[in-house]
Amino acid sequence: MKGVQLLLILLLTLAATSLHAQQNRFDAANDLLEDQQFMEAIDAYRSIADDGYVSGALWLNIGVSYAQLDSLGKAKYYLMRSAQFPETKQIARESLEVVNNRFSRRSAVLPPLPWEQFFEWVNRSLGIIGLVVGGLILLNFGAGFILASWFYPGQKKTFKYLSLTAGVLAVLFLAGSLYVNHQNNRYDTGVTVERQSTVYAEPNPDSAAVSTAYEGYTMRVDQRESQSADGWYYIRLENGRFGWIDENAIMTF
């Protein structure tokens, strides 16, 4: 027992030491940012991220650094990543608005289909875990209503209806979690980081040009389809057009 306690104390001490070391590195990177040594600060932040220590503040500071260097596509990419963290969501969105206003070209945006909007809202509001937990809770409610019908025969029809409703909702929740998980695994978000890049009909620069993606354009990246062509991403632009783009032209998450 004492051996286990000593091991736990050792592990906690090592974790605290590691976190303290990363905080020191983060503070040093912040000093570089304050001194307007932006590329040096970016390299320092990236080294922290490469070691697996990421946070909204880290992505935010990288985005701010790139904005100061007038590399707006990369600034937008990192600010969008920062906006995924609750603690930096608001300031990242405000910074994104400033960066977006600095782009000389803006993409036409095709409104997403209603079902896409619905599942995007579900993913933001509940997430996969929320859907699974909700489905399991509804299944338990359904089973509970079935048991209740045995003890209250006079209300059997009502409990049967409630059980059926809970069962249907449970199936919808669980099916929704599978769909959202599929979408999350298959599709990424991409941001154009080059000044402009051609979108082709095929993963070949000799094929017909479909459109031009300018710096800061966002797009949906089909990772499964992209696996069929090395060095290329199969994308859907915000204007609804599909095509292939050089993988070096965009950054994805």
Foldseek 3Di string as FASTA:
>chain_A
DVVVVVVVVVVVVVVVVVVVVLVVLLVVLVVCVVVLVLVVSLVSLVVSVVVPDDALVSLQSNLVSCVVVVLLLSSLVSLVVSLVHVVCVVVSVVVNVVSVVPDPDDDDADDDDPVVVVLVVCCVPQNLVSLLVLLVVLQVLLVVLCVVCVVPVVCVVVSPVSSVVSNVSSVVSNVSSVVSVVCVVFKWKKFFRAQKWFFAAAPDPVGHTDDMHGGGWMWIWGNVVCVVDPQWTWTAGSVGDTGITGPVRIDID
